[in-house]
């Protein structure tokens, strides 16, 4: 058994940026800090889109295809019988759940309004009924996202008790495994994609809230 590289620089950064962005979005939404909420939402959308792109062109352990596993393999992972490099089958299922919930939260936010001050950038392109539906989903989906985060933290604690430090692996990018070294891609490529997407989204929708935020 030797130390091998499991996560590239972008996947490690993505995880911690995601944690920070979700915390900012939740607090800013609760406190009514709308400019910060919108700008952070656009940046997180750029980050999520980058992660999806990186899931096609990135490192072996970042590939989206590795997140899809048959139920039998998921059950094996729950029993501790899956020695996959990167996310095991159960962890992959949690990642997919997070992707769905986060993207649902971000996309519905683009169509949400309170009919007074808050207008998502895509509200004007759809019917009022669809806006109402998006708003309902946006406000209820956050509860499912919080529940998923709690489940995720619980799983990390359980793994830590069993002697597997998942958080450390996502900081260092390496783990003690007997497997072959997966093919890694340099993370800076993904960060360039992120910066481009962030610039486009802020340029399209975020200049006004950003100017109010920094002004």
N, C-alpha and C. Protein backbone atom coordinates (compact mmCIF):
# COMPACT_ATOMS: atom_id res chain seq x y z
N UNK A 1 0.84 -1.20 0.00
CA UNK A 1 0.00 0.00 0.00
C UNK A 1 0.87 1.24 0.00
N UNK A 2 0.56 2.19 -0.88
CA UNK A 2 1.32 3.43 -0.96
C UNK A 2 0.41 4.62 -1.13
N UNK A 3 1.00 5.80 -1.02
CA UNK A 3 0.20 7.03 -1.16
C UNK A 3 0.03 7.37 -2.63
N UNK A 4 -1.20 7.53 -3.07
CA UNK A 4 -1.47 7.89 -4.45
C UNK A 4 -2.33 9.15 -4.49
N UNK A 5 -2.28 9.84 -5.61
CA UNK A 5 -3.08 11.04 -5.81
C UNK A 5 -4.51 10.62 -6.17
N UNK A 6 -5.46 11.08 -5.38
CA UNK A 6 -6.86 10.70 -5.58
C UNK A 6 -7.65 11.84 -6.20
N UNK A 7 -7.42 13.08 -5.72
CA UNK A 7 -8.18 14.24 -6.19
C UNK A 7 -7.24 15.30 -6.76
N UNK A 8 -7.60 15.85 -7.92
CA UNK A 8 -6.81 16.92 -8.49
C UNK A 8 -7.10 18.24 -7.78
N UNK A 9 -6.35 19.27 -8.13
CA UNK A 9 -6.47 20.55 -7.44
C UNK A 9 -7.83 21.20 -7.57
N UNK A 10 -8.48 21.00 -8.72
CA UNK A 10 -9.80 21.63 -8.87
C UNK A 10 -10.85 20.94 -8.02
N UNK A 11 -10.86 19.61 -8.00
CA UNK A 11 -11.87 18.89 -7.23
C UNK A 11 -11.74 19.25 -5.75
N UNK A 12 -10.52 19.37 -5.26
CA UNK A 12 -10.32 19.74 -3.86
C UNK A 12 -10.83 21.16 -3.62
N UNK A 13 -10.47 22.08 -4.51
CA UNK A 13 -10.93 23.45 -4.37
C UNK A 13 -12.43 23.57 -4.53
N UNK A 14 -12.98 22.81 -5.47
CA UNK A 14 -14.42 22.83 -5.71
C UNK A 14 -15.19 22.48 -4.44
N UNK A 15 -14.74 21.45 -3.74
CA UNK A 15 -15.43 21.01 -2.54
C UNK A 15 -15.51 22.12 -1.50
N UNK A 16 -14.38 22.77 -1.24
CA UNK A 16 -14.35 23.78 -0.18
C UNK A 16 -15.00 25.09 -0.63
N UNK A 17 -14.87 25.43 -1.91
CA UNK A 17 -15.59 26.60 -2.43
C UNK A 17 -17.10 26.38 -2.36
N UNK A 18 -17.52 25.15 -2.62
CA UNK A 18 -18.94 24.81 -2.55
C UNK A 18 -19.46 24.97 -1.13
N UNK A 19 -18.70 24.48 -0.17
CA UNK A 19 -19.09 24.62 1.24
C UNK A 19 -19.26 26.09 1.60
N UNK A 20 -18.28 26.91 1.22
CA UNK A 20 -18.33 28.33 1.55
C UNK A 20 -19.47 29.04 0.85
N UNK A 21 -19.68 28.73 -0.43
CA UNK A 21 -20.73 29.40 -1.20
C UNK A 21 -22.12 29.05 -0.67
N UNK A 22 -22.33 27.79 -0.31
CA UNK A 22 -23.63 27.39 0.23
C UNK A 22 -23.91 28.08 1.56
N UNK A 23 -22.87 28.22 2.38
CA UNK A 23 -23.05 28.91 3.66
C UNK A 23 -23.41 30.37 3.43
N UNK A 24 -22.72 31.03 2.49
CA UNK A 24 -23.00 32.44 2.19
C UNK A 24 -24.40 32.59 1.62
N UNK A 25 -24.80 31.69 0.73
CA UNK A 25 -26.13 31.76 0.14
C UNK A 25 -27.22 31.61 1.19
N UNK A 26 -27.03 30.67 2.10
CA UNK A 26 -28.05 30.44 3.12
C UNK A 26 -28.17 31.65 4.05
N UNK A 27 -27.02 32.14 4.53
CA UNK A 27 -27.04 33.26 5.47
C UNK A 27 -27.58 34.52 4.79
N UNK A 28 -27.12 34.79 3.57
CA UNK A 28 -27.56 36.00 2.87
C UNK A 28 -29.05 35.93 2.54
N UNK A 29 -29.55 34.73 2.24
CA UNK A 29 -30.97 34.58 1.97
C UNK A 29 -31.80 34.81 3.22
N UNK A 30 -31.33 34.28 4.34
CA UNK A 30 -32.05 34.44 5.60
C UNK A 30 -32.03 35.89 6.08
N UNK A 31 -30.91 36.58 5.85
CA UNK A 31 -30.75 37.95 6.34
C UNK A 31 -31.26 39.01 5.36
N UNK A 32 -31.62 38.58 4.14
CA UNK A 32 -32.11 39.53 3.15
C UNK A 32 -31.02 40.34 2.48
N UNK A 33 -29.80 39.82 2.48
CA UNK A 33 -28.69 40.51 1.80
C UNK A 33 -28.73 40.11 0.33
N UNK A 34 -29.62 40.73 -0.43
CA UNK A 34 -29.97 40.25 -1.76
C UNK A 34 -28.83 40.37 -2.76
N UNK A 35 -28.08 41.48 -2.71
CA UNK A 35 -26.98 41.65 -3.66
C UNK A 35 -25.95 40.54 -3.49
N UNK A 36 -25.57 40.27 -2.24
CA UNK A 36 -24.61 39.19 -1.96
C UNK A 36 -25.20 37.85 -2.37
N UNK A 37 -26.47 37.65 -2.14
CA UNK A 37 -27.14 36.40 -2.47
C UNK A 37 -27.09 36.15 -3.98
N UNK A 38 -27.40 37.17 -4.76
CA UNK A 38 -27.41 37.01 -6.22
C UNK A 38 -26.01 36.79 -6.77
N UNK A 39 -25.05 37.59 -6.34
CA UNK A 39 -23.68 37.46 -6.86
C UNK A 39 -23.11 36.09 -6.51
N UNK A 40 -23.31 35.65 -5.26
CA UNK A 40 -22.82 34.34 -4.86
C UNK A 40 -23.51 33.24 -5.65
N UNK A 41 -24.80 33.40 -5.91
CA UNK A 41 -25.53 32.41 -6.71
C UNK A 41 -24.98 32.27 -8.11
N UNK A 42 -24.64 33.39 -8.74
CA UNK A 42 -24.07 33.33 -10.09
C UNK A 42 -22.69 32.66 -10.08
N UNK A 43 -21.89 32.98 -9.06
CA UNK A 43 -20.57 32.36 -8.96
C UNK A 43 -20.68 30.87 -8.69
N UNK A 44 -21.65 30.48 -7.87
CA UNK A 44 -21.83 29.05 -7.60
C UNK A 44 -22.34 28.33 -8.84
N UNK A 45 -23.21 28.98 -9.61
CA UNK A 45 -23.68 28.37 -10.86
C UNK A 45 -22.50 28.15 -11.81
N UNK A 46 -21.59 29.11 -11.90
CA UNK A 46 -20.39 28.95 -12.73
C UNK A 46 -19.54 27.80 -12.22
N UNK A 47 -19.44 27.68 -10.90
CA UNK A 47 -18.65 26.60 -10.30
C UNK A 47 -19.26 25.24 -10.61
N UNK A 48 -20.58 25.14 -10.51
CA UNK A 48 -21.25 23.87 -10.78
C UNK A 48 -21.15 23.49 -12.26
N UNK A 49 -21.29 24.47 -13.14
CA UNK A 49 -21.14 24.19 -14.58
C UNK A 49 -19.72 23.73 -14.89
N UNK A 50 -18.75 24.34 -14.23
CA UNK A 50 -17.36 23.91 -14.41
C UNK A 50 -17.17 22.47 -13.95
N UNK A 51 -17.80 22.14 -12.82
CA UNK A 51 -17.68 20.77 -12.30
C UNK A 51 -18.27 19.77 -13.28
N UNK A 52 -19.38 20.11 -13.92
CA UNK A 52 -19.99 19.21 -14.90
C UNK A 52 -19.08 19.05 -16.12
N UNK A 53 -18.50 20.15 -16.57
CA UNK A 53 -17.57 20.07 -17.71
C UNK A 53 -16.35 19.25 -17.33
N UNK A 54 -15.83 19.49 -16.13
CA UNK A 54 -14.65 18.75 -15.65
C UNK A 54 -14.98 17.26 -15.48
N UNK A 55 -16.24 16.97 -15.26
CA UNK A 55 -16.67 15.58 -15.16
C UNK A 55 -16.62 14.85 -16.49
N UNK A 56 -16.42 15.59 -17.56
CA UNK A 56 -16.29 14.99 -18.90
C UNK A 56 -14.84 14.98 -19.35
N UNK A 57 -14.10 16.05 -19.07
CA UNK A 57 -12.74 16.19 -19.60
C UNK A 57 -11.66 16.11 -18.51
N UNK A 58 -12.05 15.98 -17.26
CA UNK A 58 -11.09 16.07 -16.16
C UNK A 58 -10.45 14.75 -15.77
N UNK A 59 -9.92 14.71 -14.57
CA UNK A 59 -9.23 13.54 -14.03
C UNK A 59 -10.15 12.34 -13.94
N UNK A 60 -9.55 11.15 -13.89
CA UNK A 60 -10.34 9.92 -13.82
C UNK A 60 -11.33 9.95 -12.66
N UNK A 61 -10.88 10.37 -11.49
CA UNK A 61 -11.75 10.34 -10.31
C UNK A 61 -12.79 11.45 -10.32
N UNK A 62 -12.68 12.39 -11.25
CA UNK A 62 -13.65 13.47 -11.37
C UNK A 62 -14.75 13.16 -12.37
N UNK A 63 -14.60 12.08 -13.11
CA UNK A 63 -15.53 11.80 -14.21
C UNK A 63 -16.94 11.50 -13.71
N UNK A 64 -17.91 12.09 -14.39
CA UNK A 64 -19.31 11.87 -14.04
C UNK A 64 -19.71 10.41 -14.23
N UNK A 65 -19.10 9.75 -15.19
CA UNK A 65 -19.43 8.35 -15.45
C UNK A 65 -19.12 7.46 -14.26
N UNK A 66 -18.17 7.87 -13.42
CA UNK A 66 -17.82 7.07 -12.24
C UNK A 66 -18.85 7.22 -11.11
N UNK A 67 -19.75 8.20 -11.25
CA UNK A 67 -20.74 8.43 -10.20
C UNK A 67 -21.98 7.55 -10.36
N UNK A 68 -22.09 6.89 -11.50
CA UNK A 68 -23.27 6.07 -11.78
C UNK A 68 -22.91 4.60 -11.55
N UNK A 69 -23.56 3.99 -10.56
CA UNK A 69 -23.25 2.61 -10.18
C UNK A 69 -24.54 1.82 -9.99
N UNK A 70 -24.49 0.51 -10.21
CA UNK A 70 -25.68 -0.33 -9.99
C UNK A 70 -25.99 -0.44 -8.49
N UNK A 71 -27.25 -0.71 -8.15
CA UNK A 71 -27.65 -0.81 -6.73
C UNK A 71 -26.80 -1.80 -5.93
N UNK A 72 -26.41 -2.90 -6.57
CA UNK A 72 -25.63 -3.92 -5.85
C UNK A 72 -24.30 -3.35 -5.37
N UNK A 73 -23.69 -2.51 -6.20
CA UNK A 73 -22.41 -1.91 -5.81
C UNK A 73 -22.61 -0.87 -4.71
N UNK A 74 -23.73 -0.16 -4.75
CA UNK A 74 -24.04 0.80 -3.68
C UNK A 74 -24.19 0.08 -2.36
N UNK A 75 -24.89 -1.05 -2.36
CA UNK A 75 -25.07 -1.83 -1.13
C UNK A 75 -23.74 -2.36 -0.62
N UNK A 76 -22.88 -2.77 -1.54
CA UNK A 76 -21.55 -3.25 -1.13
C UNK A 76 -20.76 -2.14 -0.47
N UNK A 77 -20.89 -0.93 -1.01
CA UNK A 77 -20.18 0.21 -0.44
C UNK A 77 -20.69 0.53 0.96
N UNK A 78 -22.01 0.45 1.14
CA UNK A 78 -22.61 0.71 2.46
C UNK A 78 -22.10 -0.31 3.48
N UNK A 79 -21.87 -1.54 3.03
CA UNK A 79 -21.36 -2.59 3.91
C UNK A 79 -19.85 -2.49 4.10
N UNK A 80 -19.21 -1.54 3.40
CA UNK A 80 -17.76 -1.39 3.54
C UNK A 80 -16.96 -2.30 2.66
N UNK A 81 -17.57 -2.83 1.59
CA UNK A 81 -16.90 -3.80 0.73
C UNK A 81 -16.44 -3.19 -0.59
N UNK A 82 -16.56 -1.87 -0.74
CA UNK A 82 -16.17 -1.19 -1.98
C UNK A 82 -14.86 -0.44 -1.74
N UNK A 83 -13.82 -0.82 -2.48
CA UNK A 83 -12.50 -0.20 -2.31
C UNK A 83 -12.15 0.72 -3.48
N UNK A 84 -13.15 1.36 -4.07
CA UNK A 84 -12.93 2.22 -5.23
C UNK A 84 -12.01 3.38 -4.88
N UNK A 85 -11.23 3.80 -5.86
CA UNK A 85 -10.42 5.01 -5.71
C UNK A 85 -11.33 6.20 -5.93
N UNK A 86 -11.27 7.18 -5.04
CA UNK A 86 -12.18 8.32 -5.13
C UNK A 86 -13.45 8.02 -4.38
N UNK A 87 -14.59 8.49 -4.89
CA UNK A 87 -15.86 8.19 -4.24
C UNK A 87 -16.22 6.73 -4.44
N UNK A 88 -16.65 6.07 -3.34
CA UNK A 88 -17.20 4.74 -3.55
C UNK A 88 -18.63 4.87 -4.08
N UNK A 89 -19.29 3.74 -4.31
CA UNK A 89 -20.61 3.79 -4.95
C UNK A 89 -21.63 4.54 -4.11
N UNK A 90 -21.58 4.38 -2.78
CA UNK A 90 -22.52 5.10 -1.91
C UNK A 90 -22.22 6.59 -1.90
N UNK A 91 -20.93 6.92 -1.83
CA UNK A 91 -20.53 8.33 -1.89
C UNK A 91 -20.90 8.97 -3.20
N UNK A 92 -20.80 8.21 -4.30
CA UNK A 92 -21.17 8.72 -5.62
C UNK A 92 -22.66 9.06 -5.68
N UNK A 93 -23.47 8.23 -5.01
CA UNK A 93 -24.90 8.49 -4.97
C UNK A 93 -25.18 9.80 -4.24
N UNK A 94 -24.45 10.05 -3.16
CA UNK A 94 -24.60 11.30 -2.42
C UNK A 94 -24.17 12.49 -3.26
N UNK A 95 -23.09 12.34 -4.02
CA UNK A 95 -22.63 13.41 -4.89
C UNK A 95 -23.69 13.75 -5.93
N UNK A 96 -24.27 12.74 -6.55
CA UNK A 96 -25.33 12.97 -7.54
C UNK A 96 -26.52 13.68 -6.91
N UNK A 97 -26.88 13.28 -5.69
CA UNK A 97 -27.98 13.94 -4.99
C UNK A 97 -27.67 15.42 -4.76
N UNK A 98 -26.44 15.71 -4.32
CA UNK A 98 -26.04 17.09 -4.12
C UNK A 98 -26.11 17.89 -5.43
N UNK A 99 -25.62 17.30 -6.50
CA UNK A 99 -25.66 17.99 -7.79
C UNK A 99 -27.09 18.36 -8.17
N UNK A 100 -28.01 17.41 -8.02
CA UNK A 100 -29.41 17.66 -8.38
C UNK A 100 -30.01 18.75 -7.51
N UNK A 101 -29.81 18.66 -6.20
CA UNK A 101 -30.40 19.63 -5.28
C UNK A 101 -29.81 21.03 -5.47
N UNK A 102 -28.50 21.10 -5.64
CA UNK A 102 -27.85 22.41 -5.79
C UNK A 102 -28.25 23.06 -7.11
N UNK A 103 -28.22 22.29 -8.19
CA UNK A 103 -28.61 22.84 -9.49
C UNK A 103 -30.09 23.25 -9.49
N UNK A 104 -30.94 22.48 -8.82
CA UNK A 104 -32.35 22.84 -8.72
C UNK A 104 -32.50 24.16 -7.96
N UNK A 105 -31.72 24.32 -6.90
CA UNK A 105 -31.79 25.55 -6.12
C UNK A 105 -31.33 26.75 -6.95
N UNK A 106 -30.25 26.57 -7.69
CA UNK A 106 -29.70 27.67 -8.49
C UNK A 106 -30.61 28.02 -9.66
N UNK A 107 -31.09 27.03 -10.36
CA UNK A 107 -31.91 27.28 -11.55
C UNK A 107 -33.24 27.91 -11.17
N UNK A 108 -33.89 27.40 -10.13
CA UNK A 108 -35.17 27.99 -9.72
C UNK A 108 -34.97 29.42 -9.22
N UNK A 109 -33.79 29.71 -8.66
CA UNK A 109 -33.51 31.07 -8.22
C UNK A 109 -33.50 32.07 -9.36
N UNK A 110 -33.15 31.60 -10.55
CA UNK A 110 -33.13 32.49 -11.72
C UNK A 110 -34.54 32.91 -12.13
N UNK A 111 -35.55 32.14 -11.69
CA UNK A 111 -36.94 32.41 -12.07
C UNK A 111 -37.79 32.91 -10.90
N UNK A 112 -37.13 33.30 -9.80
CA UNK A 112 -37.86 33.62 -8.57
C UNK A 112 -38.01 35.12 -8.38
N UNK A 113 -39.18 35.52 -7.86
CA UNK A 113 -39.42 36.93 -7.54
C UNK A 113 -40.36 37.02 -6.34
N UNK A 114 -40.25 38.13 -5.60
CA UNK A 114 -41.22 38.39 -4.54
C UNK A 114 -42.22 39.45 -4.96
N UNK A 115 -42.18 39.83 -6.25
CA UNK A 115 -43.08 40.83 -6.83
C UNK A 115 -42.87 42.24 -6.26
N UNK A 116 -41.81 42.43 -5.50
CA UNK A 116 -41.53 43.75 -4.93
C UNK A 116 -40.12 44.21 -5.29
N UNK A 117 -39.12 43.49 -4.75
CA UNK A 117 -37.73 43.88 -4.94
C UNK A 117 -36.90 42.83 -5.66
N UNK A 118 -37.23 41.58 -5.44
CA UNK A 118 -36.39 40.48 -5.93
C UNK A 118 -36.92 39.97 -7.26
N UNK A 119 -36.09 40.08 -8.30
CA UNK A 119 -36.45 39.58 -9.62
C UNK A 119 -35.28 38.79 -10.19
N UNK A 120 -35.46 37.48 -10.32
CA UNK A 120 -34.44 36.68 -10.97
C UNK A 120 -34.30 37.10 -12.42
N UNK A 121 -33.14 36.90 -13.03
CA UNK A 121 -32.89 37.40 -14.39
C UNK A 121 -33.74 36.76 -15.48
N UNK A 122 -34.35 35.61 -15.20
CA UNK A 122 -35.14 34.92 -16.23
C UNK A 122 -36.64 35.02 -15.99
N UNK A 123 -37.04 35.78 -14.97
CA UNK A 123 -38.47 35.92 -14.65
C UNK A 123 -39.27 36.44 -15.83
N UNK A 124 -38.72 37.40 -16.53
CA UNK A 124 -39.47 38.06 -17.61
C UNK A 124 -39.70 37.17 -18.82
N UNK A 125 -39.03 36.02 -18.87
CA UNK A 125 -39.14 35.16 -20.05
C UNK A 125 -40.16 34.04 -19.89
N UNK A 126 -40.76 33.90 -18.70
CA UNK A 126 -41.68 32.78 -18.47
C UNK A 126 -43.00 33.30 -17.89
N UNK A 127 -43.97 32.42 -17.82
CA UNK A 127 -45.30 32.78 -17.31
C UNK A 127 -45.26 32.97 -15.79
N UNK A 128 -46.28 33.66 -15.28
CA UNK A 128 -46.35 33.90 -13.84
C UNK A 128 -46.53 32.58 -13.08
N UNK A 129 -47.27 31.63 -13.67
CA UNK A 129 -47.47 30.33 -13.02
C UNK A 129 -46.14 29.61 -12.83
N UNK A 130 -45.29 29.68 -13.85
CA UNK A 130 -43.98 29.03 -13.76
C UNK A 130 -43.09 29.73 -12.73
N UNK A 131 -43.21 31.04 -12.66
CA UNK A 131 -42.46 31.81 -11.65
C UNK A 131 -42.91 31.40 -10.25
N UNK A 132 -44.22 31.25 -10.06
CA UNK A 132 -44.75 30.82 -8.77
C UNK A 132 -44.23 29.44 -8.40
N UNK A 133 -44.22 28.53 -9.37
CA UNK A 133 -43.72 27.17 -9.13
C UNK A 133 -42.24 27.20 -8.77
N UNK A 134 -41.47 27.98 -9.51
CA UNK A 134 -40.03 28.09 -9.24
C UNK A 134 -39.79 28.63 -7.84
N UNK A 135 -40.57 29.61 -7.44
CA UNK A 135 -40.41 30.18 -6.10
C UNK A 135 -40.72 29.17 -5.01
N UNK A 136 -41.76 28.39 -5.22
CA UNK A 136 -42.13 27.35 -4.24
C UNK A 136 -41.01 26.32 -4.10
N UNK A 137 -40.50 25.88 -5.25
CA UNK A 137 -39.42 24.89 -5.22
C UNK A 137 -38.17 25.49 -4.57
N UNK A 138 -37.86 26.73 -4.91
CA UNK A 138 -36.66 27.38 -4.39
C UNK A 138 -36.69 27.47 -2.86
N UNK A 139 -37.85 27.75 -2.31
CA UNK A 139 -37.96 27.93 -0.86
C UNK A 139 -38.08 26.61 -0.11
N UNK A 140 -38.58 25.56 -0.76
CA UNK A 140 -38.72 24.26 -0.09
C UNK A 140 -37.51 23.35 -0.32
N UNK A 141 -36.86 23.51 -1.46
CA UNK A 141 -35.72 22.65 -1.79
C UNK A 141 -34.57 22.83 -0.82
N UNK A 142 -34.44 24.03 -0.24
CA UNK A 142 -33.35 24.30 0.68
C UNK A 142 -33.40 23.36 1.88
N UNK A 143 -34.61 22.96 2.30
CA UNK A 143 -34.74 22.03 3.43
C UNK A 143 -34.17 20.66 3.08
N UNK A 144 -34.41 20.21 1.85
CA UNK A 144 -33.85 18.94 1.40
C UNK A 144 -32.32 19.03 1.31
N UNK A 145 -31.83 20.19 0.86
CA UNK A 145 -30.39 20.38 0.75
C UNK A 145 -29.72 20.35 2.12
N UNK A 146 -30.34 21.00 3.10
CA UNK A 146 -29.81 20.99 4.47
C UNK A 146 -29.81 19.57 5.03
N UNK A 147 -30.87 18.83 4.77
CA UNK A 147 -30.94 17.44 5.24
C UNK A 147 -29.84 16.60 4.60
N UNK A 148 -29.58 16.82 3.30
CA UNK A 148 -28.52 16.08 2.61
C UNK A 148 -27.15 16.44 3.18
N UNK A 149 -26.95 17.71 3.50
CA UNK A 149 -25.68 18.13 4.11
C UNK A 149 -25.49 17.45 5.47
N UNK A 150 -26.56 17.40 6.26
CA UNK A 150 -26.48 16.74 7.57
C UNK A 150 -26.14 15.26 7.42
N UNK A 151 -26.75 14.60 6.44
CA UNK A 151 -26.46 13.19 6.18
C UNK A 151 -25.01 13.01 5.75
N UNK A 152 -24.53 13.92 4.92
CA UNK A 152 -23.16 13.87 4.44
C UNK A 152 -22.16 14.02 5.60
N UNK A 153 -22.40 14.97 6.48
CA UNK A 153 -21.53 15.18 7.63
C UNK A 153 -21.55 13.96 8.55
N UNK A 154 -22.72 13.38 8.73
CA UNK A 154 -22.84 12.17 9.55
C UNK A 154 -22.01 11.03 8.98
N UNK A 155 -22.06 10.86 7.65
CA UNK A 155 -21.29 9.81 7.00
C UNK A 155 -19.79 10.05 7.17
N UNK A 156 -19.36 11.30 7.06
CA UNK A 156 -17.94 11.63 7.24
C UNK A 156 -17.48 11.27 8.66
N UNK A 157 -18.33 11.59 9.64
CA UNK A 157 -18.00 11.27 11.03
C UNK A 157 -17.90 9.76 11.24
N UNK A 158 -18.85 9.02 10.66
CA UNK A 158 -18.82 7.56 10.79
C UNK A 158 -17.56 6.98 10.17
N UNK A 159 -17.20 7.46 8.97
CA UNK A 159 -15.98 6.99 8.33
C UNK A 159 -14.75 7.34 9.17
N UNK A 160 -14.77 8.53 9.80
CA UNK A 160 -13.63 8.94 10.63
C UNK A 160 -13.49 8.02 11.83
N UNK A 161 -14.61 7.65 12.43
CA UNK A 161 -14.58 6.72 13.57
C UNK A 161 -14.00 5.37 13.14
N UNK A 162 -14.30 4.99 11.89
CA UNK A 162 -13.79 3.72 11.36
C UNK A 162 -12.34 3.83 10.88
N UNK A 163 -11.76 5.02 11.01
CA UNK A 163 -10.35 5.19 10.67
C UNK A 163 -10.07 5.73 9.29
N UNK A 164 -11.10 6.19 8.58
CA UNK A 164 -10.92 6.73 7.23
C UNK A 164 -11.21 8.22 7.26
N UNK A 165 -10.17 9.03 7.07
CA UNK A 165 -10.29 10.49 7.16
C UNK A 165 -10.57 11.07 5.77
N UNK A 166 -11.84 11.18 5.42
CA UNK A 166 -12.22 11.67 4.09
C UNK A 166 -11.91 13.15 3.93
N UNK A 167 -12.09 13.92 5.00
CA UNK A 167 -11.83 15.36 4.93
C UNK A 167 -10.36 15.63 4.63
N UNK A 168 -9.47 14.88 5.25
CA UNK A 168 -8.03 15.06 5.04
C UNK A 168 -7.67 14.78 3.59
N UNK A 169 -8.29 13.74 3.01
CA UNK A 169 -8.02 13.40 1.62
C UNK A 169 -8.42 14.53 0.69
N UNK A 170 -9.52 15.22 1.02
CA UNK A 170 -9.97 16.33 0.19
C UNK A 170 -9.14 17.60 0.41
N UNK A 171 -8.28 17.60 1.42
CA UNK A 171 -7.36 18.71 1.63
C UNK A 171 -6.03 18.43 0.95
N UNK A 172 -5.50 17.23 1.18
CA UNK A 172 -4.19 16.88 0.62
C UNK A 172 -4.28 16.34 -0.80
N UNK A 173 -5.42 15.72 -1.13
CA UNK A 173 -5.59 15.12 -2.45
C UNK A 173 -5.04 13.72 -2.57
N UNK A 174 -4.39 13.21 -1.51
CA UNK A 174 -3.75 11.90 -1.55
C UNK A 174 -4.31 10.97 -0.49
N UNK A 175 -4.14 9.66 -0.71
CA UNK A 175 -4.60 8.67 0.26
C UNK A 175 -3.72 7.44 0.17
N UNK A 176 -3.68 6.70 1.28
CA UNK A 176 -2.93 5.44 1.32
C UNK A 176 -3.80 4.33 0.74
N UNK A 177 -3.48 3.92 -0.49
CA UNK A 177 -4.26 2.89 -1.17
C UNK A 177 -3.34 1.95 -1.92
N UNK A 178 -3.85 0.75 -2.17
CA UNK A 178 -3.06 -0.23 -2.91
C UNK A 178 -3.41 -0.22 -4.40
N UNK A 179 -4.24 0.71 -4.80
CA UNK A 179 -4.69 0.76 -6.19
C UNK A 179 -3.67 1.46 -7.09
N UNK A 180 -3.91 1.32 -8.40
CA UNK A 180 -3.09 2.05 -9.37
C UNK A 180 -3.40 3.53 -9.33
N UNK A 181 -2.40 4.34 -9.70
CA UNK A 181 -2.59 5.78 -9.73
C UNK A 181 -3.57 6.15 -10.85
N UNK A 182 -4.71 6.77 -10.51
CA UNK A 182 -5.62 7.21 -11.58
C UNK A 182 -5.00 8.36 -12.36
N UNK A 183 -5.45 8.51 -13.60
CA UNK A 183 -4.93 9.58 -14.44
C UNK A 183 -5.46 10.93 -13.97
N UNK A 184 -4.53 11.86 -13.70
CA UNK A 184 -4.90 13.17 -13.20
C UNK A 184 -4.73 14.24 -14.28
N UNK A 185 -5.60 15.21 -14.25
CA UNK A 185 -5.48 16.40 -15.11
C UNK A 185 -5.12 17.59 -14.22
N UNK A 186 -4.33 18.53 -14.72
CA UNK A 186 -3.99 19.71 -13.90
C UNK A 186 -5.22 20.56 -13.61
N UNK A 187 -5.42 20.86 -12.34
CA UNK A 187 -6.62 21.57 -11.92
C UNK A 187 -6.74 22.98 -12.46
N UNK A 188 -5.60 23.61 -12.85
CA UNK A 188 -5.67 25.00 -13.32
C UNK A 188 -6.51 25.13 -14.58
N UNK A 189 -6.61 24.06 -15.35
CA UNK A 189 -7.45 24.11 -16.55
C UNK A 189 -8.91 24.36 -16.17
N UNK A 190 -9.36 23.67 -15.11
CA UNK A 190 -10.74 23.84 -14.67
C UNK A 190 -10.96 25.23 -14.09
N UNK A 191 -9.95 25.75 -13.38
CA UNK A 191 -10.11 27.09 -12.81
C UNK A 191 -10.23 28.15 -13.90
N UNK A 192 -9.56 27.95 -15.02
CA UNK A 192 -9.70 28.88 -16.14
C UNK A 192 -11.12 28.82 -16.69
N UNK A 193 -11.65 27.60 -16.83
CA UNK A 193 -13.04 27.45 -17.28
C UNK A 193 -13.99 28.16 -16.32
N UNK A 194 -13.75 27.99 -15.02
CA UNK A 194 -14.59 28.63 -14.01
C UNK A 194 -14.54 30.15 -14.13
N UNK A 195 -13.35 30.70 -14.29
CA UNK A 195 -13.22 32.16 -14.38
C UNK A 195 -13.94 32.70 -15.62
N UNK A 196 -13.85 31.97 -16.72
CA UNK A 196 -14.54 32.39 -17.94
C UNK A 196 -16.06 32.36 -17.73
N UNK A 197 -16.56 31.26 -17.19
CA UNK A 197 -18.00 31.14 -16.96
C UNK A 197 -18.49 32.17 -15.94
N UNK A 198 -17.70 32.38 -14.88
CA UNK A 198 -18.08 33.37 -13.87
C UNK A 198 -18.15 34.76 -14.49
N UNK A 199 -17.17 35.07 -15.35
CA UNK A 199 -17.17 36.37 -16.02
C UNK A 199 -18.38 36.55 -16.91
N UNK A 200 -18.76 35.49 -17.62
CA UNK A 200 -19.92 35.56 -18.50
C UNK A 200 -21.20 35.77 -17.69
N UNK A 201 -21.39 34.99 -16.63
CA UNK A 201 -22.62 35.08 -15.84
C UNK A 201 -22.72 36.42 -15.09
N UNK A 202 -21.61 36.87 -14.55
CA UNK A 202 -21.62 38.17 -13.88
C UNK A 202 -21.87 39.28 -14.90
N UNK A 203 -21.26 39.15 -16.08
CA UNK A 203 -21.47 40.15 -17.13
C UNK A 203 -22.91 40.20 -17.61
N UNK A 204 -23.55 39.03 -17.68
CA UNK A 204 -24.94 38.96 -18.14
C UNK A 204 -25.93 39.46 -17.09
N UNK A 205 -25.75 38.99 -15.85
CA UNK A 205 -26.78 39.18 -14.84
C UNK A 205 -26.31 39.86 -13.55
N UNK A 206 -25.01 39.87 -13.32
CA UNK A 206 -24.56 40.24 -11.99
C UNK A 206 -23.93 41.60 -11.82
N UNK A 207 -23.85 42.41 -12.87
CA UNK A 207 -23.17 43.69 -12.75
C UNK A 207 -23.89 44.64 -11.79
N UNK A 208 -25.22 44.66 -11.87
CA UNK A 208 -25.98 45.56 -11.00
C UNK A 208 -25.85 45.19 -9.51
N UNK A 209 -26.13 43.91 -9.14
CA UNK A 209 -25.96 43.58 -7.71
C UNK A 209 -24.51 43.68 -7.25
N UNK A 210 -23.57 43.40 -8.14
CA UNK A 210 -22.15 43.50 -7.77
C UNK A 210 -21.78 44.96 -7.50
N UNK A 211 -22.26 45.88 -8.35
CA UNK A 211 -21.95 47.29 -8.14
C UNK A 211 -22.58 47.81 -6.86
N UNK A 212 -23.77 47.32 -6.53
CA UNK A 212 -24.42 47.72 -5.28
C UNK A 212 -23.70 47.12 -4.08
N UNK A 213 -23.14 45.94 -4.28
CA UNK A 213 -22.45 45.27 -3.18
C UNK A 213 -21.13 45.93 -2.83
N UNK A 214 -20.40 46.36 -3.86
CA UNK A 214 -19.07 46.95 -3.62
C UNK A 214 -19.11 48.47 -3.55
N UNK A 215 -20.27 49.06 -3.93
CA UNK A 215 -20.37 50.52 -3.97
C UNK A 215 -20.54 51.17 -2.61
